[in-house]
Amino acid sequence: MHSNTPVPEAILVIGAGELGMSVLAALSSSAEGNGTTLSVLLRPLQGPATQRDPDATTDLMHRLGVDIVRADLATQTVEELAVLFAPFTTIVCCSGFVGGPGTQARITRAVLEAGVRRFIPWQFGVDYDIVGHGSGQEVFDEQADVRALLRAQSNTHWIIVSTGMFTSFLFEPAFGLVDLQAGRVHALGSWDNQLTVTTPEDIGRLTTAILAQQPPIHDEVVFVAGDTFTYAQLADKVDHHLRRRSERVLWDVDGLREVVAGNPADGMAKYRLAFARDTGVAWPMERTFNACNGIPVTDVAGWLARSGPFS
């Protein structure tokens, strides 16, 4: 077990996509002047060094005071990753599912092998303890396996930050839940089913606050949320934003299953089915870390107002 003696923090953020950049920005701001070092793990640059175009991400990291570590999560072994992870006291994984099946479990095993003191895995989503295995979305099964790996050991402290769906994903055309241009809202499973959403910017700020919490949070699932609503309430929010009544279309579970059966390689169809449930994908605002600590967040109405009349 770890002692309570304070040690200098060396934080590694894995990934610099939408969420990773939000986490890096928040951590960079909070780390100023307290001795914390901040690094990011990025994919290796392609091509000979003399032929590469200027890398905007590299320039931004330098401006933020973030050191860069290069590694390919899709190909490097647990042992190779463990060597990279060993110098860090805290690792925050923001790489998502882009590395393919098995990547998150491999990252977790490498973190544990490296003896990292504290780990926030890529669990920025639903309550995988409730969703468990068999949701229809294979990557959800792996998330449940990651939790089992973490709970089976006591050397590395972990914090799981449950955020619900990214707010912007509600309006992702490929997902098809809300079409602002057409004025159409779909419900997954039932108009009474609930959904929790949070913006990546808020997740970055809240993750930073969770890491700084005193006494430290250890080996817990922490729930955050920008908004929680039923699909009927979501349609009402869209109506208010558009200033007219939207078309409301129910995608029932049987229909969603038929789509997945007919298109087994359609990842978005699997996501729609996985979220068409009345448990595990939503939680009350009043029980969240942000509500309990008085931290303001952006709800759907605020996101829509910021985004303009159409997205």
Protein backbone atom coordinates (compact mmCIF):
# COMPACT_ATOMS: atom_id res chain seq x y z
CA MET A 1 0.00 0.00 0.00
CA HIS A 2 1.09 3.58 -0.59
CA SER A 3 2.11 5.88 2.25
CA ASN A 4 0.46 9.23 2.82
CA THR A 5 3.74 11.11 2.33
CA PRO A 6 3.26 13.71 -0.42
CA VAL A 7 5.33 13.15 -3.53
CA PRO A 8 5.85 15.43 -6.52
CA GLU A 9 3.20 14.80 -9.19
CA ALA A 10 4.22 13.70 -12.67
CA ILE A 11 1.03 13.41 -14.71
CA LEU A 12 0.70 11.71 -18.10
CA VAL A 13 -2.41 12.25 -20.23
CA ILE A 14 -2.87 9.60 -22.91
CA GLY A 15 -4.30 11.18 -26.06
CA ALA A 16 -4.90 14.74 -27.24
CA GLY A 17 -8.26 14.50 -28.95
CA GLU A 18 -11.34 16.46 -27.93
CA LEU A 19 -11.34 15.15 -24.36
CA GLY A 20 -7.57 14.92 -23.98
CA MET A 21 -7.12 18.57 -24.95
CA SER A 22 -9.78 19.62 -22.44
CA VAL A 23 -8.08 17.64 -19.67
CA LEU A 24 -4.64 18.98 -20.63
CA ALA A 25 -5.85 22.58 -20.66
CA ALA A 26 -7.44 22.25 -17.22
CA LEU A 27 -4.47 20.41 -15.72
CA SER A 28 -2.00 22.89 -17.24
CA SER A 29 -3.83 25.79 -15.65
CA SER A 30 -4.01 24.13 -12.23
CA ALA A 31 -0.40 22.91 -12.28
CA GLU A 32 1.21 26.34 -12.60
CA GLY A 33 3.63 26.97 -9.76
CA ASN A 34 2.96 23.78 -7.74
CA GLY A 35 5.81 21.63 -9.06
CA THR A 36 3.59 19.29 -11.07
CA THR A 37 4.98 18.14 -14.42
CA LEU A 38 2.55 17.40 -17.24
CA SER A 39 3.14 15.13 -20.24
CA VAL A 40 1.02 13.79 -23.08
CA LEU A 41 1.31 10.54 -24.98
CA LEU A 42 0.89 11.01 -28.75
CA ARG A 43 1.27 8.76 -31.76
CA PRO A 44 4.70 8.71 -33.44
CA LEU A 45 5.17 11.28 -36.19
CA GLN A 46 5.10 9.85 -39.71
CA GLY A 47 7.91 10.13 -42.26
CA PRO A 48 11.52 11.34 -42.02
CA ALA A 49 12.00 14.29 -39.69
CA THR A 50 13.28 16.48 -42.51
CA GLN A 51 10.10 15.95 -44.54
CA ARG A 52 7.47 16.48 -41.85
CA ASP A 53 5.12 19.44 -41.91
CA PRO A 54 5.04 21.64 -38.80
CA ASP A 55 2.94 19.85 -36.19
CA ALA A 56 0.28 22.12 -34.67
CA THR A 57 -0.34 19.78 -31.74
CA THR A 58 3.36 19.76 -30.87
CA ASP A 59 3.47 23.55 -30.95
CA LEU A 60 0.40 23.78 -28.71
CA MET A 61 1.87 21.32 -26.20
CA HIS A 62 5.03 23.40 -25.98
CA ARG A 63 2.97 26.55 -25.32
CA LEU A 64 1.09 24.75 -22.54
CA GLY A 65 4.34 23.52 -21.01
CA VAL A 66 3.44 19.90 -21.73
CA ASP A 67 6.17 17.37 -22.51
CA ILE A 68 5.50 14.87 -25.32
CA VAL A 69 5.93 11.10 -25.15
CA ARG A 70 5.54 9.17 -28.43
CA ALA A 71 4.08 5.65 -28.58
CA ASP A 72 1.71 3.59 -30.71
CA LEU A 73 -0.98 2.19 -28.43
CA ALA A 74 -2.22 -0.15 -31.15
CA THR A 75 1.06 -2.01 -31.54
CA GLN A 76 3.15 -1.70 -28.37
CA THR A 77 3.11 -4.51 -25.85
CA VAL A 78 2.12 -4.32 -22.20
CA GLU A 79 5.79 -4.55 -21.25
CA GLU A 80 6.81 -1.73 -23.60
CA LEU A 81 4.02 0.52 -22.38
CA ALA A 82 4.88 -0.26 -18.75
CA VAL A 83 8.40 1.08 -19.31
CA LEU A 84 6.91 4.31 -20.69
CA PHE A 85 4.43 4.62 -17.83
CA ALA A 86 6.80 3.88 -14.94
CA PRO A 87 8.13 7.46 -14.43
CA PHE A 88 4.63 8.88 -13.84
CA THR A 89 2.68 9.12 -10.59
CA THR A 90 -0.71 9.75 -12.21
CA ILE A 91 -2.01 8.66 -15.61
CA VAL A 92 -5.25 9.90 -17.18
CA CYS A 93 -6.34 7.90 -20.22
CA CYS A 94 -8.20 9.97 -22.82
CA SER A 95 -7.50 7.82 -25.87
CA GLY A 96 -11.02 6.45 -26.32
CA PHE A 97 -11.62 3.41 -28.48
CA VAL A 98 -9.51 4.47 -31.48
CA GLY A 99 -6.82 1.91 -30.70
CA GLY A 100 -9.19 -0.96 -31.43
CA PRO A 101 -10.47 -3.85 -29.30
CA GLY A 102 -8.28 -4.76 -26.35
CA THR A 103 -6.41 -1.46 -26.22
CA GLN A 104 -7.96 -0.20 -22.98
CA ALA A 105 -7.34 -3.49 -21.20
CA ARG A 106 -3.73 -3.49 -22.44
CA ILE A 107 -3.20 0.08 -21.23
CA THR A 108 -4.63 -0.86 -17.84
CA ARG A 109 -2.38 -3.90 -17.50
CA ALA A 110 0.63 -1.76 -18.40
CA VAL A 111 -0.32 0.86 -15.79
CA LEU A 112 -0.58 -1.84 -13.14
CA GLU A 113 2.70 -3.49 -14.19
CA ALA A 114 4.45 -0.10 -14.06
CA GLY A 115 3.26 0.49 -10.48
CA VAL A 116 1.71 3.87 -11.27
CA ARG A 117 0.38 5.42 -8.08
CA ARG A 118 -2.95 6.70 -9.46
CA PHE A 119 -4.92 5.96 -12.64
CA ILE A 120 -7.99 7.41 -14.29
CA PRO A 121 -8.90 4.95 -17.04
CA TRP A 122 -10.92 5.71 -20.16
CA GLN A 123 -14.30 5.20 -18.49
CA PHE A 124 -15.74 8.60 -19.38
CA GLY A 125 -19.15 7.25 -20.28
CA VAL A 126 -21.95 5.13 -18.85
CA ASP A 127 -22.15 3.19 -15.57
CA TYR A 128 -20.47 0.00 -16.72
CA ASP A 129 -21.17 -1.67 -13.37
CA ILE A 130 -24.87 -1.57 -14.25
CA VAL A 131 -24.56 -2.01 -18.02
CA GLY A 132 -22.12 -4.92 -17.61
CA HIS A 133 -21.60 -7.41 -20.42
CA GLY A 134 -23.99 -8.13 -23.29
CA SER A 135 -25.20 -4.59 -24.03
CA GLY A 136 -24.70 -5.15 -27.75
CA GLN A 137 -21.66 -2.87 -27.83
CA GLU A 138 -18.46 -4.89 -27.57
CA VAL A 139 -16.34 -1.97 -26.34
CA PHE A 140 -18.68 -1.70 -23.34
CA ASP A 141 -17.80 -5.30 -22.44
CA GLU A 142 -14.12 -4.36 -22.38
CA GLN A 143 -14.87 -1.44 -20.06
CA ALA A 144 -16.40 -3.85 -17.56
CA ASP A 145 -13.28 -6.01 -17.84
CA VAL A 146 -11.07 -2.97 -17.09
CA ARG A 147 -13.01 -2.36 -13.87
CA ALA A 148 -12.46 -5.97 -12.85
CA LEU A 149 -8.71 -5.62 -13.44
CA LEU A 150 -8.53 -2.51 -11.27
CA ARG A 151 -10.60 -3.97 -8.44
CA ALA A 152 -8.55 -7.16 -8.37
CA GLN A 153 -5.43 -5.31 -7.15
CA SER A 154 -4.52 -2.82 -4.43
CA ASN A 155 -1.18 -1.34 -5.52
CA THR A 156 -2.49 1.30 -7.92
CA HIS A 157 -5.26 3.64 -6.80
CA TRP A 158 -7.90 4.32 -9.43
CA ILE A 159 -10.69 6.82 -10.00
CA ILE A 160 -13.42 6.18 -12.54
CA VAL A 161 -15.14 9.35 -13.78
CA SER A 162 -18.61 8.54 -15.13
CA THR A 163 -19.78 11.34 -17.41
CA GLY A 164 -22.56 9.93 -19.55
CA MET A 165 -22.53 10.74 -23.25
CA PHE A 166 -20.57 13.72 -24.58
CA THR A 167 -23.11 16.52 -25.07
CA SER A 168 -21.99 17.12 -28.65
CA PHE A 169 -22.71 13.48 -29.52
CA LEU A 170 -26.43 14.18 -29.13
CA PHE A 171 -26.16 16.27 -32.28
CA GLU A 172 -23.70 14.10 -34.20
CA PRO A 173 -25.30 13.48 -37.64
CA ALA A 174 -23.95 9.92 -37.84
CA PHE A 175 -25.55 9.09 -34.49
CA GLY A 176 -28.83 10.61 -35.60
CA LEU A 177 -30.36 11.36 -32.22
CA VAL A 178 -31.10 15.06 -32.81
CA ASP A 179 -31.27 16.71 -36.23
CA LEU A 180 -31.49 20.46 -35.68
CA GLN A 181 -31.67 21.24 -39.39
CA ALA A 182 -34.67 18.98 -39.88
CA GLY A 183 -36.16 19.76 -36.47
CA ARG A 184 -36.30 16.08 -35.50
CA VAL A 185 -35.63 14.26 -32.22
CA HIS A 186 -35.36 10.50 -31.80
CA ALA A 187 -35.87 8.62 -28.54
CA LEU A 188 -33.92 5.43 -27.84
CA GLY A 189 -36.18 2.73 -26.41
CA SER A 190 -38.75 4.98 -24.75
CA TRP A 191 -39.57 8.67 -24.37
CA ASP A 192 -39.32 8.09 -20.61
CA ASN A 193 -35.77 6.68 -20.75
CA GLN A 194 -33.20 9.04 -19.28
CA LEU A 195 -29.76 10.10 -20.49
CA THR A 196 -26.86 11.94 -18.83
CA VAL A 197 -24.53 14.13 -20.90
CA THR A 198 -21.45 16.28 -20.15
CA THR A 199 -19.29 18.50 -22.36
CA PRO A 200 -15.61 17.59 -22.79
CA GLU A 201 -14.64 21.04 -21.44
CA ASP A 202 -16.55 20.35 -18.23
CA ILE A 203 -15.08 16.84 -18.00
CA GLY A 204 -11.60 18.38 -18.17
CA ARG A 205 -12.35 20.85 -15.37
CA LEU A 206 -14.12 18.27 -13.22
CA THR A 207 -11.42 15.62 -13.68
CA THR A 208 -8.82 18.17 -12.57
CA ALA A 209 -10.93 19.03 -9.52
CA ILE A 210 -11.39 15.34 -8.69
CA LEU A 211 -7.62 14.76 -8.83
CA ALA A 212 -7.07 17.75 -6.51
CA GLN A 213 -9.75 16.74 -4.01
CA GLN A 214 -8.69 16.54 -0.36
CA PRO A 215 -8.68 14.09 1.24
CA PRO A 216 -7.74 12.26 -1.97
CA ILE A 217 -10.35 10.16 -3.74
CA HIS A 218 -9.15 6.58 -3.99
CA ASP A 219 -10.69 3.54 -5.68
CA GLU A 220 -14.09 5.10 -6.33
CA VAL A 221 -16.52 5.71 -9.16
CA VAL A 222 -17.26 9.45 -9.27
CA PHE A 223 -20.34 10.61 -11.15
CA VAL A 224 -20.43 13.96 -12.94
CA ALA A 225 -23.06 15.44 -15.26
CA GLY A 226 -23.80 18.50 -17.31
CA ASP A 227 -27.44 17.53 -17.72
CA THR A 228 -29.79 14.61 -17.11
CA PHE A 229 -33.15 14.39 -18.90
CA THR A 230 -35.71 12.08 -20.46
CA TYR A 231 -35.94 11.96 -24.23
CA ALA A 232 -39.26 13.78 -23.96
CA GLN A 233 -37.52 16.54 -22.02
CA LEU A 234 -34.74 16.61 -24.64
CA ALA A 235 -37.35 17.18 -27.34
CA ASP A 236 -38.81 20.01 -25.25
CA LYS A 237 -35.34 21.58 -25.00
CA VAL A 238 -34.93 21.37 -28.78
CA ASP A 239 -38.42 22.88 -29.24
CA HIS A 240 -37.48 25.79 -27.02
CA HIS A 241 -34.25 26.34 -28.94
CA LEU A 242 -35.88 26.14 -32.38
CA ARG A 243 -38.97 28.04 -31.22
CA ARG A 244 -41.19 25.48 -32.88
CA ARG A 245 -42.29 21.95 -32.21
CA SER A 246 -39.88 19.32 -33.44
CA GLU A 247 -40.82 16.04 -35.08
CA ARG A 248 -40.59 13.24 -32.51
CA VAL A 249 -39.66 9.72 -33.62
CA LEU A 250 -39.32 6.69 -31.33
CA TRP A 251 -36.67 4.09 -32.11
CA ASP A 252 -37.90 1.11 -30.10
CA VAL A 253 -35.58 -1.65 -28.92
CA ASP A 254 -36.91 -4.29 -31.31
CA GLY A 255 -36.33 -2.01 -34.29
CA LEU A 256 -32.83 -1.10 -33.10
CA ARG A 257 -31.97 -4.79 -32.70
CA GLU A 258 -33.17 -5.50 -36.23
CA VAL A 259 -30.89 -2.76 -37.58
CA VAL A 260 -27.88 -4.21 -35.73
CA ALA A 261 -28.71 -7.74 -36.90
CA GLY A 262 -28.88 -6.54 -40.49
CA ASN A 263 -25.74 -4.41 -40.21
CA PRO A 264 -23.41 -6.11 -37.69
CA ALA A 265 -20.48 -3.87 -38.64
CA ASP A 266 -22.41 -0.63 -38.04
CA GLY A 267 -20.85 0.82 -34.88
CA MET A 268 -23.37 3.65 -34.60
CA ALA A 269 -26.27 1.20 -34.75
CA LYS A 270 -24.67 -0.70 -31.86
CA TYR A 271 -24.33 2.54 -29.88
CA ARG A 272 -28.01 3.35 -30.39
CA LEU A 273 -28.99 -0.09 -29.12
CA ALA A 274 -26.56 0.11 -26.18
CA PHE A 275 -28.06 3.43 -25.03
CA ALA A 276 -31.69 2.29 -25.49
CA ARG A 277 -32.09 1.29 -21.85
CA ASP A 278 -33.64 2.57 -18.64
CA THR A 279 -30.65 1.91 -16.37
CA GLY A 280 -26.93 2.65 -16.36
CA VAL A 281 -26.86 5.60 -18.77
CA ALA A 282 -28.23 8.33 -16.50
CA TRP A 283 -28.01 9.50 -12.88
CA PRO A 284 -29.59 12.36 -10.89
CA MET A 285 -27.83 15.72 -11.06
CA GLU A 286 -28.04 16.16 -7.30
CA ARG A 287 -25.75 13.17 -6.62
CA THR A 288 -22.96 14.33 -8.94
CA PHE A 289 -19.53 15.58 -7.88
CA ASN A 290 -20.15 18.93 -9.55
CA ALA A 291 -23.50 19.47 -7.81
CA CYS A 292 -22.14 18.45 -4.40
CA ASN A 293 -19.19 20.83 -4.81
CA GLY A 294 -21.06 23.74 -6.40
CA ILE A 295 -19.13 23.57 -9.68
CA PRO A 296 -21.07 25.14 -12.59
CA VAL A 297 -21.48 23.09 -15.76
CA THR A 298 -23.04 23.50 -19.20
CA ASP A 299 -26.47 21.91 -19.70
CA VAL A 300 -28.08 21.14 -23.05
CA ALA A 301 -29.85 24.49 -23.19
CA GLY A 302 -26.54 26.26 -22.59
CA TRP A 303 -24.80 24.14 -25.22
CA LEU A 304 -27.50 24.94 -27.77
CA ALA A 305 -27.38 28.64 -26.97
CA ARG A 306 -23.61 28.66 -27.43
CA SER A 307 -23.81 26.71 -30.68
CA GLY A 308 -26.32 28.99 -32.41
CA PRO A 309 -29.63 28.05 -34.02
CA PHE A 310 -28.21 25.13 -36.03
CA SER A 311 -25.16 22.84 -35.71
